Amino acid sequence: MATDRPEEAAEEYATAVEIRPNFLDLRFKLAEAYMDLDMWVDACLHLKEILVKNPAFGGTRVRLDALLNRMGDTEGARREWELCAEQNPDDCRIKAYLASFDS
Protein backbone atom coordinates (compact mmCIF):
# COMPACT_ATOMS: atom_id res chain seq x y z
CA MET A 1 0.00 0.00 0.00
CA ALA A 2 2.92 2.28 0.81
CA THR A 3 1.28 5.30 2.39
CA ASP A 4 3.14 7.91 4.38
CA ARG A 5 0.58 7.64 7.19
CA PRO A 6 -0.34 3.96 7.58
CA GLU A 7 -1.81 4.42 11.08
CA GLU A 8 -4.26 7.01 9.80
CA ALA A 9 -5.07 4.88 6.76
CA ALA A 10 -5.78 1.87 8.99
CA GLU A 11 -8.10 3.93 11.20
CA GLU A 12 -10.02 5.28 8.22
CA TYR A 13 -10.34 1.89 6.54
CA ALA A 14 -11.39 0.26 9.83
CA THR A 15 -14.18 2.83 10.16
CA ALA A 16 -15.21 2.25 6.56
CA VAL A 17 -15.28 -1.54 7.08
CA GLU A 18 -17.51 -1.06 10.14
CA ILE A 19 -19.92 0.91 7.99
CA ARG A 20 -19.70 -1.34 4.90
CA PRO A 21 -18.48 -4.78 6.10
CA ASN A 22 -19.33 -6.50 2.82
CA PHE A 23 -17.41 -4.02 0.67
CA LEU A 24 -14.42 -6.27 0.11
CA ASP A 25 -12.19 -3.68 -1.53
CA LEU A 26 -12.24 -1.63 1.69
CA ARG A 27 -11.43 -4.73 3.73
CA PHE A 28 -8.53 -5.51 1.38
CA LYS A 29 -7.16 -1.97 1.80
CA LEU A 30 -7.48 -2.33 5.59
CA ALA A 31 -5.52 -5.59 5.44
CA GLU A 32 -2.81 -3.87 3.41
CA ALA A 33 -2.62 -1.03 5.94
CA TYR A 34 -2.27 -3.58 8.74
CA MET A 35 0.51 -5.29 6.78
CA ASP A 36 2.31 -1.94 6.48
CA LEU A 37 2.06 -1.63 10.27
CA ASP A 38 3.33 -5.22 10.79
CA MET A 39 -0.07 -6.08 12.28
CA TRP A 40 0.07 -9.42 10.52
CA VAL A 41 -2.54 -11.29 12.56
CA ASP A 42 -5.13 -8.56 11.96
CA ALA A 43 -4.25 -8.45 8.26
CA CYS A 44 -4.53 -12.23 8.04
CA LEU A 45 -7.99 -12.21 9.64
CA HIS A 46 -9.29 -9.67 7.13
CA LEU A 47 -7.79 -11.47 4.13
CA LYS A 48 -9.37 -14.74 5.27
CA GLU A 49 -12.72 -12.98 5.75
CA ILE A 50 -12.53 -11.71 2.17
CA LEU A 51 -11.88 -15.24 0.91
CA VAL A 52 -14.86 -16.57 2.87
CA LYS A 53 -17.09 -14.04 1.14
CA ASN A 54 -15.46 -14.32 -2.30
CA PRO A 55 -12.77 -17.00 -2.82
CA ALA A 56 -11.73 -15.45 -6.14
CA PHE A 57 -11.45 -11.82 -4.98
CA GLY A 58 -8.57 -10.37 -7.00
CA GLY A 59 -5.17 -10.80 -5.46
CA THR A 60 -6.36 -11.69 -1.97
CA ARG A 61 -5.15 -15.27 -1.94
CA VAL A 62 -1.73 -14.23 -3.28
CA ARG A 63 -1.50 -11.55 -0.58
CA LEU A 64 -2.47 -14.10 2.07
CA ASP A 65 0.15 -16.54 0.77
CA ALA A 66 2.88 -13.94 1.08
CA LEU A 67 1.67 -12.90 4.53
CA LEU A 68 1.53 -16.47 5.87
CA ASN A 69 5.02 -17.08 4.55
CA ARG A 70 6.25 -13.88 6.24
CA MET A 71 4.62 -15.04 9.49
CA GLY A 72 6.51 -18.34 9.25
CA ASP A 73 3.44 -20.44 8.44
CA THR A 74 4.95 -22.21 5.44
CA GLU A 75 2.39 -25.01 5.51
CA GLY A 76 -0.46 -22.50 5.49
CA ALA A 77 1.22 -20.62 2.66
CA ARG A 78 1.67 -23.85 0.70
CA ARG A 79 -2.03 -24.71 1.12
CA GLU A 80 -3.01 -21.29 -0.16
CA TRP A 81 -0.65 -21.54 -3.14
CA GLU A 82 -2.14 -24.95 -3.95
CA LEU A 83 -5.60 -23.35 -3.95
CA CYS A 84 -4.22 -20.61 -6.22
CA ALA A 85 -2.91 -23.30 -8.57
CA GLU A 86 -6.34 -24.95 -8.68
CA GLN A 87 -7.95 -21.62 -9.57
CA ASN A 88 -5.23 -20.63 -12.06
CA PRO A 89 -3.58 -23.82 -13.37
CA ASP A 90 -1.62 -22.04 -16.13
CA ASP A 91 -0.07 -19.30 -13.97
CA CYS A 92 3.72 -19.76 -14.09
CA ARG A 93 4.23 -17.49 -11.08
CA ILE A 94 2.14 -19.79 -8.90
CA LYS A 95 4.04 -22.85 -10.14
CA ALA A 96 7.32 -21.12 -9.28
CA TYR A 97 6.18 -20.34 -5.74
CA LEU A 98 5.03 -23.92 -5.21
CA ALA A 99 8.36 -25.21 -6.52
CA SER A 100 10.19 -22.99 -4.02
CA PHE A 101 8.61 -24.94 -1.16
CA ASP A 102 10.21 -28.13 -2.44
CA SER A 103 13.73 -26.73 -2.73
PDB file of N, CA and C in Angstrom:
ATOM      1  N   MET A   1       0.831  -1.181   0.000  1.00  0.00           N
ATOM      2  CA  MET A   1       0.000   0.000   0.000  1.00  0.00           C
ATOM      3  C   MET A   1       0.876   1.244   0.000  1.00  0.00           C
ATOM      4  N   ALA A   2       1.904   1.234   0.805  1.00  0.00           N
ATOM      5  CA  ALA A   2       2.919   2.282   0.814  1.00  0.00           C
ATOM      6  C   ALA A   2       2.347   3.689   0.952  1.00  0.00           C
ATOM      7  N   THR A   3       1.755   3.950   2.082  1.00  0.00           N
ATOM      8  CA  THR A   3       1.284   5.298   2.392  1.00  0.00           C
ATOM      9  C   THR A   3       2.231   5.923   3.409  1.00  0.00           C
ATOM     10  N   ASP A   4       2.285   7.224   3.421  1.00  0.00           N
ATOM     11  CA  ASP A   4       3.142   7.914   4.383  1.00  0.00           C
ATOM     12  C   ASP A   4       2.554   7.893   5.792  1.00  0.00           C
ATOM     13  N   ARG A   5       1.259   7.632   5.886  1.00  0.00           N
ATOM     14  CA  ARG A   5       0.577   7.645   7.188  1.00  0.00           C
ATOM     15  C   ARG A   5      -0.262   6.371   7.355  1.00  0.00           C
ATOM     16  N   PRO A   6       0.402   5.217   7.515  1.00  0.00           N
ATOM     17  CA  PRO A   6      -0.338   3.957   7.580  1.00  0.00           C
ATOM     18  C   PRO A   6      -1.284   3.857   8.776  1.00  0.00           C
ATOM     19  N   GLU A   7      -0.921   4.476   9.907  1.00  0.00           N
ATOM     20  CA  GLU A   7      -1.809   4.419  11.078  1.00  0.00           C
ATOM     21  C   GLU A   7      -3.135   5.098  10.770  1.00  0.00           C
ATOM     22  N   GLU A   8      -3.046   6.271  10.151  1.00  0.00           N
ATOM     23  CA  GLU A   8      -4.258   7.008   9.796  1.00  0.00           C
ATOM     24  C   GLU A   8      -5.071   6.241   8.753  1.00  0.00           C
ATOM     25  N   ALA A   9      -4.383   5.662   7.790  1.00  0.00           N
ATOM     26  CA  ALA A   9      -5.074   4.878   6.762  1.00  0.00           C
ATOM     27  C   ALA A   9      -5.811   3.704   7.404  1.00  0.00           C
ATOM     28  N   ALA A  10      -5.144   3.005   8.322  1.00  0.00           N
ATOM     29  CA  ALA A  10      -5.776   1.867   8.991  1.00  0.00           C
ATOM     30  C   ALA A  10      -7.017   2.301   9.758  1.00  0.00           C
ATOM     31  N   GLU A  11      -6.929   3.423  10.461  1.00  0.00           N
ATOM     32  CA  GLU A  11      -8.096   3.927  11.202  1.00  0.00           C
ATOM     33  C   GLU A  11      -9.257   4.228  10.266  1.00  0.00           C
ATOM     34  N   GLU A  12      -8.961   4.908   9.175  1.00  0.00           N
ATOM     35  CA  GLU A  12     -10.015   5.282   8.222  1.00  0.00           C
ATOM     36  C   GLU A  12     -10.637   4.050   7.573  1.00  0.00           C
ATOM     37  N   TYR A  13      -9.796   3.104   7.153  1.00  0.00           N
ATOM     38  CA  TYR A  13     -10.335   1.889   6.537  1.00  0.00           C
ATOM     39  C   TYR A  13     -11.117   1.057   7.548  1.00  0.00           C
ATOM     40  N   ALA A  14     -10.661   1.006   8.799  1.00  0.00           N
ATOM     41  CA  ALA A  14     -11.389   0.261   9.832  1.00  0.00           C
ATOM     42  C   ALA A  14     -12.780   0.852  10.032  1.00  0.00           C
ATOM     43  N   THR A  15     -12.872   2.168  10.047  1.00  0.00           N
ATOM     44  CA  THR A  15     -14.175   2.826  10.164  1.00  0.00           C
ATOM     45  C   THR A  15     -15.047   2.496   8.961  1.00  0.00           C
ATOM     46  N   ALA A  16     -14.458   2.548   7.782  1.00  0.00           N
ATOM     47  CA  ALA A  16     -15.211   2.248   6.561  1.00  0.00           C
ATOM     48  C   ALA A  16     -15.707   0.805   6.556  1.00  0.00           C
ATOM     49  N   VAL A  17     -14.880  -0.124   7.035  1.00  0.00           N
ATOM     50  CA  VAL A  17     -15.283  -1.536   7.082  1.00  0.00           C
ATOM     51  C   VAL A  17     -16.412  -1.739   8.090  1.00  0.00           C
ATOM     52  N   GLU A  18     -16.394  -0.983   9.184  1.00  0.00           N
ATOM     53  CA  GLU A  18     -17.507  -1.060  10.140  1.00  0.00           C
ATOM     54  C   GLU A  18     -18.812  -0.628   9.485  1.00  0.00           C
ATOM     55  N   ILE A  19     -18.729   0.396   8.657  1.00  0.00           N
ATOM     56  CA  ILE A  19     -19.924   0.914   7.989  1.00  0.00           C
ATOM     57  C   ILE A  19     -20.364  -0.003   6.855  1.00  0.00           C
ATOM     58  N   ARG A  20     -19.411  -0.504   6.078  1.00  0.00           N
ATOM     59  CA  ARG A  20     -19.697  -1.341   4.904  1.00  0.00           C
ATOM     60  C   ARG A  20     -18.909  -2.650   4.991  1.00  0.00           C
ATOM     61  N   PRO A  21     -19.276  -3.572   5.889  1.00  0.00           N
ATOM     62  CA  PRO A  21     -18.477  -4.782   6.100  1.00  0.00           C
ATOM     63  C   PRO A  21     -18.403  -5.723   4.896  1.00  0.00           C
ATOM     64  N   ASN A  22     -19.348  -5.623   3.990  1.00  0.00           N
ATOM     65  CA  ASN A  22     -19.329  -6.504   2.824  1.00  0.00           C
ATOM     66  C   ASN A  22     -18.659  -5.880   1.606  1.00  0.00           C
ATOM     67  N   PHE A  23     -18.124  -4.678   1.760  1.00  0.00           N
ATOM     68  CA  PHE A  23     -17.410  -4.021   0.670  1.00  0.00           C
ATOM     69  C   PHE A  23     -15.964  -4.507   0.738  1.00  0.00           C
ATOM     70  N   LEU A  24     -15.673  -5.539  -0.038  1.00  0.00           N
ATOM     71  CA  LEU A  24     -14.418  -6.266   0.105  1.00  0.00           C
ATOM     72  C   LEU A  24     -13.188  -5.450  -0.262  1.00  0.00           C
ATOM     73  N   ASP A  25     -13.336  -4.504  -1.163  1.00  0.00           N
ATOM     74  CA  ASP A  25     -12.191  -3.678  -1.532  1.00  0.00           C
ATOM     75  C   ASP A  25     -11.698  -2.865  -0.332  1.00  0.00           C
ATOM     76  N   LEU A  26     -12.629  -2.360   0.472  1.00  0.00           N
ATOM     77  CA  LEU A  26     -12.244  -1.632   1.688  1.00  0.00           C
ATOM     78  C   LEU A  26     -11.519  -2.553   2.667  1.00  0.00           C
ATOM     79  N   ARG A  27     -12.042  -3.761   2.813  1.00  0.00           N
ATOM     80  CA  ARG A  27     -11.432  -4.727   3.732  1.00  0.00           C
ATOM     81  C   ARG A  27     -10.017  -5.088   3.259  1.00  0.00           C
ATOM     82  N   PHE A  28      -9.846  -5.206   1.937  1.00  0.00           N
ATOM     83  CA  PHE A  28      -8.527  -5.509   1.379  1.00  0.00           C
ATOM     84  C   PHE A  28      -7.548  -4.369   1.679  1.00  0.00           C
ATOM     85  N   LYS A  29      -8.004  -3.135   1.500  1.00  0.00           N
ATOM     86  CA  LYS A  29      -7.158  -1.974   1.799  1.00  0.00           C
ATOM     87  C   LYS A  29      -6.803  -1.924   3.289  1.00  0.00           C
ATOM     88  N   LEU A  30      -7.757  -2.285   4.148  1.00  0.00           N
ATOM     89  CA  LEU A  30      -7.481  -2.335   5.585  1.00  0.00           C
ATOM     90  C   LEU A  30      -6.406  -3.381   5.875  1.00  0.00           C
ATOM     91  N   ALA A  31      -6.526  -4.543   5.258  1.00  0.00           N
ATOM     92  CA  ALA A  31      -5.518  -5.593   5.445  1.00  0.00           C
ATOM     93  C   ALA A  31      -4.143  -5.106   4.995  1.00  0.00           C
ATOM     94  N   GLU A  32      -4.093  -4.403   3.884  1.00  0.00           N
ATOM     95  CA  GLU A  32      -2.811  -3.868   3.409  1.00  0.00           C
ATOM     96  C   GLU A  32      -2.232  -2.848   4.400  1.00  0.00           C
ATOM     97  N   ALA A  33      -3.088  -2.008   4.946  1.00  0.00           N
ATOM     98  CA  ALA A  33      -2.620  -1.035   5.942  1.00  0.00           C
ATOM     99  C   ALA A  33      -2.069  -1.763   7.165  1.00  0.00           C
ATOM    100  N   TYR A  34      -2.764  -2.801   7.603  1.00  0.00           N
ATOM    101  CA  TYR A  34      -2.274  -3.582   8.737  1.00  0.00           C
ATOM    102  C   TYR A  34      -0.933  -4.237   8.412  1.00  0.00           C
ATOM    103  N   MET A  35      -0.773  -4.701   7.173  1.00  0.00           N
ATOM    104  CA  MET A  35       0.507  -5.288   6.783  1.00  0.00           C
ATOM    105  C   MET A  35       1.620  -4.246   6.853  1.00  0.00           C
ATOM    106  N   ASP A  36       1.326  -3.024   6.413  1.00  0.00           N
ATOM    107  CA  ASP A  36       2.312  -1.940   6.482  1.00  0.00           C
ATOM    108  C   ASP A  36       2.720  -1.642   7.921  1.00  0.00           C
ATOM    109  N   LEU A  37       1.808  -1.883   8.850  1.00  0.00           N
ATOM    110  CA  LEU A  37       2.064  -1.630  10.273  1.00  0.00           C
ATOM    111  C   LEU A  37       2.599  -2.867  10.998  1.00  0.00           C
ATOM    112  N   ASP A  38       2.886  -3.932  10.232  1.00  0.00           N
ATOM    113  CA  ASP A  38       3.326  -5.217  10.791  1.00  0.00           C
ATOM    114  C   ASP A  38       2.294  -5.814  11.743  1.00  0.00           C
ATOM    115  N   MET A  39       1.032  -5.500  11.509  1.00  0.00           N
ATOM    116  CA  MET A  39      -0.070  -6.082  12.283  1.00  0.00           C
ATOM    117  C   MET A  39      -0.575  -7.296  11.500  1.00  0.00           C
ATOM    118  N   TRP A  40       0.291  -8.302  11.417  1.00  0.00           N
ATOM    119  CA  TRP A  40       0.067  -9.420  10.520  1.00  0.00           C
ATOM    120  C   TRP A  40      -1.147 -10.262  10.882  1.00  0.00           C
ATOM    121  N   VAL A  41      -1.384 -10.474  12.156  1.00  0.00           N
ATOM    122  CA  VAL A  41      -2.538 -11.290  12.560  1.00  0.00           C
ATOM    123  C   VAL A  41      -3.835 -10.606  12.135  1.00  0.00           C
ATOM    124  N   ASP A  42      -3.931  -9.303  12.368  1.00  0.00           N
ATOM    125  CA  ASP A  42      -5.128  -8.563  11.957  1.00  0.00           C
ATOM    126  C   ASP A  42      -5.295  -8.599  10.444  1.00  0.00           C
ATOM    127  N   ALA A  43      -4.194  -8.405   9.721  1.00  0.00           N
ATOM    128  CA  ALA A  43      -4.249  -8.452   8.258  1.00  0.00           C
ATOM    129  C   ALA A  43      -4.718  -9.823   7.788  1.00  0.00           C
ATOM    130  N   CYS A  44      -4.182 -10.858   8.402  1.00  0.00           N
ATOM    131  CA  CYS A  44      -4.534 -12.234   8.041  1.00  0.00           C
ATOM    132  C   CYS A  44      -6.027 -12.489   8.250  1.00  0.00           C
ATOM    133  N   LEU A  45      -6.567 -12.024   9.358  1.00  0.00           N
ATOM    134  CA  LEU A  45      -7.995 -12.213   9.641  1.00  0.00           C
ATOM    135  C   LEU A  45      -8.862 -11.559   8.567  1.00  0.00           C
ATOM    136  N   HIS A  46      -8.495 -10.362   8.144  1.00  0.00           N
ATOM    137  CA  HIS A  46      -9.289  -9.669   7.128  1.00  0.00           C
ATOM    138  C   HIS A  46      -9.155 -10.331   5.761  1.00  0.00           C
ATOM    139  N   LEU A  47      -7.959 -10.784   5.412  1.00  0.00           N
ATOM    140  CA  LEU A  47      -7.791 -11.472   4.132  1.00  0.00           C
ATOM    141  C   LEU A  47      -8.597 -12.767   4.108  1.00  0.00           C
ATOM    142  N   LYS A  48      -8.584 -13.499   5.210  1.00  0.00           N
ATOM    143  CA  LYS A  48      -9.370 -14.739   5.271  1.00  0.00           C
ATOM    144  C   LYS A  48     -10.865 -14.447   5.191  1.00  0.00           C
ATOM    145  N   GLU A  49     -11.305 -13.370   5.813  1.00  0.00           N
ATOM    146  CA  GLU A  49     -12.719 -12.978   5.746  1.00  0.00           C
ATOM    147  C   GLU A  49     -13.122 -12.665   4.308  1.00  0.00           C
ATOM    148  N   ILE A  50     -12.252 -11.992   3.580  1.00  0.00           N
ATOM    149  CA  ILE A  50     -12.530 -11.709   2.167  1.00  0.00           C
ATOM    150  C   ILE A  50     -12.707 -13.012   1.403  1.00  0.00           C
ATOM    151  N   LEU A  51     -11.818 -13.975   1.640  1.00  0.00           N
ATOM    152  CA  LEU A  51     -11.880 -15.240   0.908  1.00  0.00           C
ATOM    153  C   LEU A  51     -13.110 -16.059   1.271  1.00  0.00           C
ATOM    154  N   VAL A  52     -13.606 -15.907   2.492  1.00  0.00           N
ATOM    155  CA  VAL A  52     -14.859 -16.574   2.867  1.00  0.00           C
ATOM    156  C   VAL A  52     -16.001 -16.010   2.029  1.00  0.00           C
ATOM    157  N   LYS A  53     -16.001 -14.701   1.865  1.00  0.00           N
ATOM    158  CA  LYS A  53     -17.089 -14.042   1.136  1.00  0.00           C
ATOM    159  C   LYS A  53     -16.948 -14.168  -0.372  1.00  0.00           C
ATOM    160  N   ASN A  54     -15.700 -14.199  -0.860  1.00  0.00           N
ATOM    161  CA  ASN A  54     -15.461 -14.317  -2.302  1.00  0.00           C
ATOM    162  C   ASN A  54     -14.091 -14.957  -2.518  1.00  0.00           C
ATOM    163  N   PRO A  55     -14.047 -16.287  -2.697  1.00  0.00           N
ATOM    164  CA  PRO A  55     -12.769 -16.998  -2.822  1.00  0.00           C
ATOM    165  C   PRO A  55     -11.900 -16.555  -4.000  1.00  0.00           C
ATOM    166  N   ALA A  56     -12.492 -15.875  -4.954  1.00  0.00           N
ATOM    167  CA  ALA A  56     -11.727 -15.454  -6.136  1.00  0.00           C
ATOM    168  C   ALA A  56     -11.460 -13.949  -6.146  1.00  0.00           C
ATOM    169  N   PHE A  57     -11.632 -13.277  -5.009  1.00  0.00           N
ATOM    170  CA  PHE A  57     -11.451 -11.821  -4.981  1.00  0.00           C
ATOM    171  C   PHE A  57     -10.007 -11.473  -5.331  1.00  0.00           C
ATOM    172  N   GLY A  58      -9.848 -10.689  -6.373  1.00  0.00           N
ATOM    173  CA  GLY A  58      -8.570 -10.369  -6.999  1.00  0.00           C
ATOM    174  C   GLY A  58      -7.389 -10.123  -6.083  1.00  0.00           C
ATOM    175  N   GLY A  59      -6.428 -10.986  -6.151  1.00  0.00           N
ATOM    176  CA  GLY A  59      -5.169 -10.798  -5.456  1.00  0.00           C
ATOM    177  C   GLY A  59      -5.153 -11.152  -3.984  1.00  0.00           C
ATOM    178  N   THR A  60      -6.304 -11.454  -3.416  1.00  0.00           N
ATOM    179  CA  THR A  60      -6.365 -11.694  -1.970  1.00  0.00           C
ATOM    180  C   THR A  60      -5.609 -12.946  -1.570  1.00  0.00           C
ATOM    181  N   ARG A  61      -5.812 -14.019  -2.312  1.00  0.00           N
ATOM    182  CA  ARG A  61      -5.149 -15.269  -1.942  1.00  0.00           C
ATOM    183  C   ARG A  61      -3.626 -15.130  -2.074  1.00  0.00           C
ATOM    184  N   VAL A  62      -3.170 -14.447  -3.104  1.00  0.00           N
ATOM    185  CA  VAL A  62      -1.731 -14.233  -3.283  1.00  0.00           C
ATOM    186  C   VAL A  62      -1.177 -13.408  -2.123  1.00  0.00           C
ATOM    187  N   ARG A  63      -1.913 -12.375  -1.716  1.00  0.00           N
ATOM    188  CA  ARG A  63      -1.500 -11.548  -0.579  1.00  0.00           C
ATOM    189  C   ARG A  63      -1.427 -12.387   0.695  1.00  0.00           C
ATOM    190  N   LEU A  64      -2.448 -13.248   0.891  1.00  0.00           N
ATOM    191  CA  LEU A  64      -2.475 -14.104   2.071  1.00  0.00           C
ATOM    192  C   LEU A  64      -1.300 -15.077   2.053  1.00  0.00           C
ATOM    193  N   ASP A  65      -0.998 -15.627   0.885  1.00  0.00           N
ATOM    194  CA  ASP A  65       0.148 -16.540   0.769  1.00  0.00           C
ATOM    195  C   ASP A  65       1.423 -15.863   1.248  1.00  0.00           C
ATOM    196  N   ALA A  66       1.666 -14.674   0.723  1.00  0.00           N
ATOM    197  CA  ALA A  66       2.880 -13.936   1.081  1.00  0.00           C
ATOM    198  C   ALA A  66       2.903 -13.614   2.575  1.00  0.00           C
ATOM    199  N   LEU A  67       1.758 -13.245   3.115  1.00  0.00           N
ATOM    200  CA  LEU A  67       1.673 -12.902   4.533  1.00  0.00           C
ATOM    201  C   LEU A  67       1.931 -14.122   5.413  1.00  0.00           C
ATOM    202  N   LEU A  68       1.311 -15.247   5.085  1.00  0.00           N
ATOM    203  CA  LEU A  68       1.528 -16.467   5.868  1.00  0.00           C
ATOM    204  C   LEU A  68       2.998 -16.869   5.838  1.00  0.00           C
ATOM    205  N   ASN A  69       3.602 -16.753   4.671  1.00  0.00           N
ATOM    206  CA  ASN A  69       5.020 -17.080   4.551  1.00  0.00           C
ATOM    207  C   ASN A  69       5.855 -16.149   5.430  1.00  0.00           C
ATOM    208  N   ARG A  70       5.539 -14.867   5.418  1.00  0.00           N
ATOM    209  CA  ARG A  70       6.247 -13.879   6.236  1.00  0.00           C
ATOM    210  C   ARG A  70       6.075 -14.192   7.722  1.00  0.00           C
ATOM    211  N   MET A  71       4.907 -14.717   8.090  1.00  0.00           N
ATOM    212  CA  MET A  71       4.621 -15.038   9.485  1.00  0.00           C
ATOM    213  C   MET A  71       5.264 -16.358   9.911  1.00  0.00           C
ATOM    214  N   GLY A  72       5.875 -17.069   8.945  1.00  0.00           N
ATOM    215  CA  GLY A  72       6.515 -18.339   9.254  1.00  0.00           C
ATOM    216  C   GLY A  72       5.606 -19.541   9.119  1.00  0.00           C
ATOM    217  N   ASP A  73       4.394 -19.343   8.632  1.00  0.00           N
ATOM    218  CA  ASP A  73       3.442 -20.440   8.443  1.00  0.00           C
ATOM    219  C   ASP A  73       3.591 -20.986   7.020  1.00  0.00           C
ATOM    220  N   THR A  74       4.689 -21.720   6.794  1.00  0.00           N
ATOM    221  CA  THR A  74       4.954 -22.207   5.439  1.00  0.00           C
ATOM    222  C   THR A  74       3.927 -23.236   4.983  1.00  0.00           C
ATOM    223  N   GLU A  75       3.419 -24.034   5.899  1.00  0.00           N
ATOM    224  CA  GLU A  75       2.390 -25.011   5.505  1.00  0.00           C
ATOM    225  C   GLU A  75       1.104 -24.306   5.102  1.00  0.00           C
ATOM    226  N   GLY A  76       0.721 -23.283   5.859  1.00  0.00           N
ATOM    227  CA  GLY A  76      -0.459 -22.500   5.494  1.00  0.00           C
ATOM    228  C   GLY A  76      -0.273 -21.817   4.157  1.00  0.00           C
ATOM    229  N   ALA A  77       0.925 -21.270   3.941  1.00  0.00           N
ATOM    230  CA  ALA A  77       1.224 -20.619   2.662  1.00  0.00           C
ATOM    231  C   ALA A  77       1.162 -21.627   1.527  1.00  0.00           C
ATOM    232  N   ARG A  78       1.704 -22.813   1.740  1.00  0.00           N
ATOM    233  CA  ARG A  78       1.670 -23.850   0.700  1.00  0.00           C
ATOM    234  C   ARG A  78       0.220 -24.212   0.352  1.00  0.00           C
ATOM    235  N   ARG A  79      -0.616 -24.380   1.378  1.00  0.00           N
ATOM    236  CA  ARG A  79      -2.033 -24.710   1.122  1.00  0.00           C
ATOM    237  C   ARG A  79      -2.697 -23.630   0.277  1.00  0.00           C
ATOM    238  N   GLU A  80      -2.415 -22.383   0.607  1.00  0.00           N
ATOM    239  CA  GLU A  80      -3.014 -21.287  -0.157  1.00  0.00           C
ATOM    240  C   GLU A  80      -2.496 -21.263  -1.591  1.00  0.00           C
ATOM    241  N   TRP A  81      -1.185 -21.499  -1.776  1.00  0.00           N
ATOM    242  CA  TRP A  81      -0.645 -21.537  -3.141  1.00  0.00           C
ATOM    243  C   TRP A  81      -1.255 -22.690  -3.923  1.00  0.00           C
ATOM    244  N   GLU A  82      -1.503 -23.819  -3.258  1.00  0.00           N
ATOM    245  CA  GLU A  82      -2.141 -24.946  -3.946  1.00  0.00           C
ATOM    246  C   GLU A  82      -3.556 -24.575  -4.387  1.00  0.00           C
ATOM    247  N   LEU A  83      -4.269 -23.833  -3.552  1.00  0.00           N
ATOM    248  CA  LEU A  83      -5.596 -23.353  -3.954  1.00  0.00           C
ATOM    249  C   LEU A  83      -5.487 -22.371  -5.117  1.00  0.00           C
ATOM    250  N   CYS A  84      -4.459 -21.530  -5.090  1.00  0.00           N
ATOM    251  CA  CYS A  84      -4.221 -20.614  -6.219  1.00  0.00           C
ATOM    252  C   CYS A  84      -3.999 -21.409  -7.500  1.00  0.00           C
ATOM    253  N   ALA A  85      -3.214 -22.474  -7.393  1.00  0.00           N
ATOM    254  CA  ALA A  85      -2.913 -23.297  -8.567  1.00  0.00           C
ATOM    255  C   ALA A  85      -4.175 -23.958  -9.110  1.00  0.00           C
ATOM    256  N   GLU A  86      -5.065 -24.369  -8.223  1.00  0.00           N
ATOM    257  CA  GLU A  86      -6.336 -24.953  -8.678  1.00  0.00           C
ATOM    258  C   GLU A  86      -7.166 -23.921  -9.428  1.00  0.00           C
ATOM    259  N   GLN A  87      -7.171 -22.686  -8.938  1.00  0.00           N
ATOM    260  CA  GLN A  87      -7.955 -21.623  -9.571  1.00  0.00           C
ATOM    261  C   GLN A  87      -7.305 -21.103 -10.847  1.00  0.00           C
ATOM    262  N   ASN A  88      -5.980 -21.177 -10.920  1.00  0.00           N
ATOM    263  CA  ASN A  88      -5.228 -20.631 -12.064  1.00  0.00           C
ATOM    264  C   ASN A  88      -4.154 -21.628 -12.492  1.00  0.00           C
ATOM    265  N   PRO A  89      -4.543 -22.752 -13.089  1.00  0.00           N
ATOM    266  CA  PRO A  89      -3.577 -23.819 -13.370  1.00  0.00           C
ATOM    267  C   PRO A  89      -2.463 -23.447 -14.351  1.00  0.00           C
ATOM    268  N   ASP A  90      -2.637 -22.411 -15.141  1.00  0.00           N
ATOM    269  CA  ASP A  90      -1.619 -22.044 -16.129  1.00  0.00           C
ATOM    270  C   ASP A  90      -0.704 -20.909 -15.675  1.00  0.00           C
ATOM    271  N   ASP A  91      -0.866 -20.432 -14.458  1.00  0.00           N
ATOM    272  CA  ASP A  91      -0.072 -19.302 -13.970  1.00  0.00           C
ATOM    273  C   ASP A  91       1.329 -19.774 -13.570  1.00  0.00           C
ATOM    274  N   CYS A  92       2.325 -19.352 -14.334  1.00  0.00           N
ATOM    275  CA  CYS A  92       3.719 -19.759 -14.091  1.00  0.00           C
ATOM    276  C   CYS A  92       4.248 -19.238 -12.759  1.00  0.00           C
ATOM    277  N   ARG A  93       3.788 -18.066 -12.345  1.00  0.00           N
ATOM    278  CA  ARG A  93       4.234 -17.488 -11.075  1.00  0.00           C
ATOM    279  C   ARG A  93       3.833 -18.394  -9.911  1.00  0.00           C
ATOM    280  N   ILE A  94       2.622 -18.905  -9.964  1.00  0.00           N
ATOM    281  CA  ILE A  94       2.141 -19.789  -8.899  1.00  0.00           C
ATOM    282  C   ILE A  94       2.957 -21.074  -8.881  1.00  0.00           C
ATOM    283  N   LYS A  95       3.224 -21.625 -10.058  1.00  0.00           N
ATOM    284  CA  LYS A  95       4.038 -22.846 -10.141  1.00  0.00           C
ATOM    285  C   LYS A  95       5.429 -22.610  -9.550  1.00  0.00           C
ATOM    286  N   ALA A  96       5.992 -21.436  -9.811  1.00  0.00           N
ATOM    287  CA  ALA A  96       7.321 -21.118  -9.282  1.00  0.00           C
ATOM    288  C   ALA A  96       7.301 -21.038  -7.756  1.00  0.00           C
ATOM    289  N   TYR A  97       6.274 -20.414  -7.198  1.00  0.00           N
ATOM    290  CA  TYR A  97       6.178 -20.336  -5.738  1.00  0.00           C
ATOM    291  C   TYR A  97       6.024 -21.721  -5.128  1.00  0.00           C
ATOM    292  N   LEU A  98       5.198 -22.559  -5.730  1.00  0.00           N
ATOM    293  CA  LEU A  98       5.032 -23.918  -5.212  1.00  0.00           C
ATOM    294  C   LEU A  98       6.346 -24.688  -5.285  1.00  0.00           C
ATOM    295  N   ALA A  99       7.079 -24.520  -6.372  1.00  0.00           N
ATOM    296  CA  ALA A  99       8.365 -25.208  -6.520  1.00  0.00           C
ATOM    297  C   ALA A  99       9.356 -24.752  -5.452  1.00  0.00           C
ATOM    298  N   SER A 100       9.255 -23.498  -5.032  1.00  0.00           N
ATOM    299  CA  SER A 100      10.192 -22.988  -4.022  1.00  0.00           C
ATOM    300  C   SER A 100      10.012 -23.683  -2.673  1.00  0.00           C
ATOM    301  N   PHE A 101       8.831 -24.225  -2.418  1.00  0.00           N
ATOM    302  CA  PHE A 101       8.607 -24.938  -1.160  1.00  0.00           C
ATOM    303  C   PHE A 101       9.338 -26.275  -1.148  1.00  0.00           C
ATOM    304  N   ASP A 102       9.582 -26.817  -2.335  1.00  0.00           N
ATOM    305  CA  ASP A 102      10.212 -28.132  -2.435  1.00  0.00           C
ATOM    306  C   ASP A 102      11.733 -28.055  -2.514  1.00  0.00           C
ATOM    307  N   SER A 103      12.271 -26.840  -2.603  1.00  0.00           N
ATOM    308  CA  SER A 103      13.731 -26.734  -2.731  1.00  0.00           C
ATOM    309  C   SER A 103      14.400 -26.487  -1.399  1.00  0.00           C
TER     310      SER A 103
END
